[in-house]
Amino acid sequence: MTRSHRPRLTLLLAAPLVALALAGPASAAGCYADYKAKRDNPLRLHYGVIALNGPACHGREAAASAISHRIAKGGWTLLAVLSIFGPDGLAQRKQSAGAFYLRY
């Protein structure tokens, strides 16, 4: 291969990687989960819906770890991960989650 073809080859190989990097933020959530959480003194309970991605989408245990970490910043303790679902399940849960719909 001649030197004049190397820049074009590099550009052809780099273009798909750049496209994937730019598409990433547009679809940041890989899945969603609904959960129950509590806060003590005084006891408060909430039902919430949270966006997850990557390994957190691969089962309740992974989701629970990610959710626990994120809601702890607000002083909440995870009680249960109810389900993991795709974007098609968001609308039906929005009203029930209220202020905790995609809050964390």
C-alpha atoms as a PDB file:
ATOM      1  CA  MET A   1       0.000   0.000   0.000  1.00  0.00           C
ATOM      2  CA  THR A   2       1.361   3.396  -0.883  1.00  0.00           C
ATOM      3  CA  ARG A   3       1.690   6.254   1.535  1.00  0.00           C
ATOM      4  CA  SER A   4      -1.040   8.234  -0.251  1.00  0.00           C
ATOM      5  CA  HIS A   5      -3.621   5.542   0.576  1.00  0.00           C
ATOM      6  CA  ARG A   6      -2.865   5.311   4.320  1.00  0.00           C
ATOM      7  CA  PRO A   7      -4.727   8.497   5.370  1.00  0.00           C
ATOM      8  CA  ARG A   8      -7.831   7.381   3.468  1.00  0.00           C
ATOM      9  CA  LEU A   9      -7.703   3.933   5.043  1.00  0.00           C
ATOM     10  CA  THR A  10      -7.313   5.449   8.509  1.00  0.00           C
ATOM     11  CA  LEU A  11     -10.277   7.728   7.855  1.00  0.00           C
ATOM     12  CA  LEU A  12     -12.405   4.800   6.628  1.00  0.00           C
ATOM     13  CA  LEU A  13     -11.596   2.800   9.752  1.00  0.00           C
ATOM     14  CA  ALA A  14     -12.119   5.723  12.127  1.00  0.00           C
ATOM     15  CA  ALA A  15     -15.452   6.925  10.688  1.00  0.00           C
ATOM     16  CA  PRO A  16     -17.604   4.093  12.147  1.00  0.00           C
ATOM     17  CA  LEU A  17     -15.987   4.535  15.570  1.00  0.00           C
ATOM     18  CA  VAL A  18     -16.738   8.252  15.559  1.00  0.00           C
ATOM     19  CA  ALA A  19     -20.334   7.568  14.522  1.00  0.00           C
ATOM     20  CA  LEU A  20     -20.781   5.122  17.413  1.00  0.00           C
ATOM     21  CA  ALA A  21     -19.297   7.573  19.885  1.00  0.00           C
ATOM     22  CA  LEU A  22     -21.663  10.321  18.766  1.00  0.00           C
ATOM     23  CA  ALA A  23     -24.698   8.020  18.868  1.00  0.00           C
ATOM     24  CA  GLY A  24     -23.950   6.905  22.446  1.00  0.00           C
ATOM     25  CA  PRO A  25     -25.343   9.900  24.359  1.00  0.00           C
ATOM     26  CA  ALA A  26     -28.572   9.896  22.360  1.00  0.00           C
ATOM     27  CA  SER A  27     -29.402   6.427  23.655  1.00  0.00           C
ATOM     28  CA  ALA A  28     -27.757   6.532  27.064  1.00  0.00           C
ATOM     29  CA  ALA A  29     -30.276   4.279  28.825  1.00  0.00           C
ATOM     30  CA  GLY A  30     -30.024   0.614  27.929  1.00  0.00           C
ATOM     31  CA  CYS A  31     -32.944  -0.328  30.173  1.00  0.00           C
ATOM     32  CA  TYR A  32     -35.106   0.889  33.021  1.00  0.00           C
ATOM     33  CA  ALA A  33     -36.072  -0.566  36.373  1.00  0.00           C
ATOM     34  CA  ASP A  34     -38.801   0.115  38.874  1.00  0.00           C
ATOM     35  CA  TYR A  35     -37.981  -0.222  42.528  1.00  0.00           C
ATOM     36  CA  LYS A  36     -39.150   0.406  46.096  1.00  0.00           C
ATOM     37  CA  ALA A  37     -37.037   2.341  48.591  1.00  0.00           C
ATOM     38  CA  LYS A  38     -37.236   3.646  52.152  1.00  0.00           C
ATOM     39  CA  ARG A  39     -35.833   6.385  54.354  1.00  0.00           C
ATOM     40  CA  ASP A  40     -35.864   6.137  58.164  1.00  0.00           C
ATOM     41  CA  ASN A  41     -36.611   8.676  60.912  1.00  0.00           C
ATOM     42  CA  PRO A  42     -39.373   9.234  60.063  1.00  0.00           C
ATOM     43  CA  LEU A  43     -40.135   6.236  57.903  1.00  0.00           C
ATOM     44  CA  ARG A  44     -40.846   7.219  54.305  1.00  0.00           C
ATOM     45  CA  LEU A  45     -41.381   4.907  51.347  1.00  0.00           C
ATOM     46  CA  HIS A  46     -41.268   5.549  47.632  1.00  0.00           C
ATOM     47  CA  TYR A  47     -41.756   3.765  44.335  1.00  0.00           C
ATOM     48  CA  GLY A  48     -39.445   4.935  41.566  1.00  0.00           C
ATOM     49  CA  VAL A  49     -38.356   4.361  37.998  1.00  0.00           C
ATOM     50  CA  ILE A  50     -34.683   4.685  37.094  1.00  0.00           C
ATOM     51  CA  ALA A  51     -32.671   4.555  33.859  1.00  0.00           C
ATOM     52  CA  LEU A  52     -29.844   2.020  33.778  1.00  0.00           C
ATOM     53  CA  ASN A  53     -27.193   1.040  31.270  1.00  0.00           C
ATOM     54  CA  GLY A  54     -24.427  -1.437  30.660  1.00  0.00           C
ATOM     55  CA  PRO A  55     -24.013  -4.293  33.136  1.00  0.00           C
ATOM     56  CA  ALA A  56     -26.834  -2.962  35.349  1.00  0.00           C
ATOM     57  CA  CYS A  57     -29.282  -4.196  32.695  1.00  0.00           C
ATOM     58  CA  HIS A  58     -28.174  -7.813  33.100  1.00  0.00           C
ATOM     59  CA  GLY A  59     -30.257  -8.999  36.025  1.00  0.00           C
ATOM     60  CA  ARG A  60     -31.750  -7.841  39.281  1.00  0.00           C
ATOM     61  CA  GLU A  61     -28.580  -8.202  41.318  1.00  0.00           C
ATOM     62  CA  ALA A  62     -26.604  -5.923  38.991  1.00  0.00           C
ATOM     63  CA  ALA A  63     -29.519  -3.485  38.817  1.00  0.00           C
ATOM     64  CA  ALA A  64     -29.864  -3.483  42.616  1.00  0.00           C
ATOM     65  CA  SER A  65     -26.210  -2.570  43.043  1.00  0.00           C
ATOM     66  CA  ALA A  66     -26.456   0.362  40.625  1.00  0.00           C
ATOM     67  CA  ILE A  67     -29.772   1.593  42.029  1.00  0.00           C
ATOM     68  CA  SER A  68     -28.615   1.336  45.656  1.00  0.00           C
ATOM     69  CA  HIS A  69     -25.568   3.430  44.932  1.00  0.00           C
ATOM     70  CA  ARG A  70     -27.501   6.150  43.097  1.00  0.00           C
ATOM     71  CA  ILE A  71     -30.444   6.530  45.484  1.00  0.00           C
ATOM     72  CA  ALA A  72     -28.159   6.473  48.553  1.00  0.00           C
ATOM     73  CA  LYS A  73     -27.041   9.963  47.525  1.00  0.00           C
ATOM     74  CA  GLY A  74     -30.570  11.093  48.384  1.00  0.00           C
ATOM     75  CA  GLY A  75     -30.611   9.230  51.704  1.00  0.00           C
ATOM     76  CA  TRP A  76     -32.702   6.299  50.414  1.00  0.00           C
ATOM     77  CA  THR A  77     -32.199   2.562  50.981  1.00  0.00           C
ATOM     78  CA  LEU A  78     -33.270   0.116  48.291  1.00  0.00           C
ATOM     79  CA  LEU A  79     -35.911  -2.381  49.385  1.00  0.00           C
ATOM     80  CA  ALA A  80     -36.552  -4.226  46.107  1.00  0.00           C
ATOM     81  CA  VAL A  81     -36.032  -4.134  42.358  1.00  0.00           C
ATOM     82  CA  LEU A  82     -39.468  -4.951  40.981  1.00  0.00           C
ATOM     83  CA  SER A  83     -38.646  -5.343  37.287  1.00  0.00           C
ATOM     84  CA  ILE A  84     -36.229  -4.429  34.517  1.00  0.00           C
ATOM     85  CA  PHE A  85     -37.799  -3.301  31.245  1.00  0.00           C
ATOM     86  CA  GLY A  86     -37.295  -1.344  28.034  1.00  0.00           C
ATOM     87  CA  PRO A  87     -38.579   2.074  26.996  1.00  0.00           C
ATOM     88  CA  ASP A  88     -41.972   0.592  26.108  1.00  0.00           C
ATOM     89  CA  GLY A  89     -42.735   0.197  29.831  1.00  0.00           C
ATOM     90  CA  LEU A  90     -42.059   3.813  30.822  1.00  0.00           C
ATOM     91  CA  ALA A  91     -45.434   5.406  30.079  1.00  0.00           C
ATOM     92  CA  GLN A  92     -47.431   2.969  32.199  1.00  0.00           C
ATOM     93  CA  ARG A  93     -45.218   3.621  35.250  1.00  0.00           C
ATOM     94  CA  LYS A  94     -44.833   7.405  35.034  1.00  0.00           C
ATOM     95  CA  GLN A  95     -47.879   8.381  37.072  1.00  0.00           C
ATOM     96  CA  SER A  96     -47.205   5.833  39.823  1.00  0.00           C
ATOM     97  CA  ALA A  97     -43.588   6.970  40.229  1.00  0.00           C
ATOM     98  CA  GLY A  98     -44.530  10.654  40.433  1.00  0.00           C
ATOM     99  CA  ALA A  99     -41.561  12.715  41.675  1.00  0.00           C
ATOM    100  CA  PHE A 100     -39.351   9.602  41.556  1.00  0.00           C
ATOM    101  CA  TYR A 101     -39.846   9.016  37.825  1.00  0.00           C
ATOM    102  CA  LEU A 102     -36.310   9.045  36.366  1.00  0.00           C
ATOM    103  CA  ARG A 103     -35.148  11.183  39.303  1.00  0.00           C
ATOM    104  CA  TYR A 104     -31.949   9.275  40.014  1.00  0.00           C
END
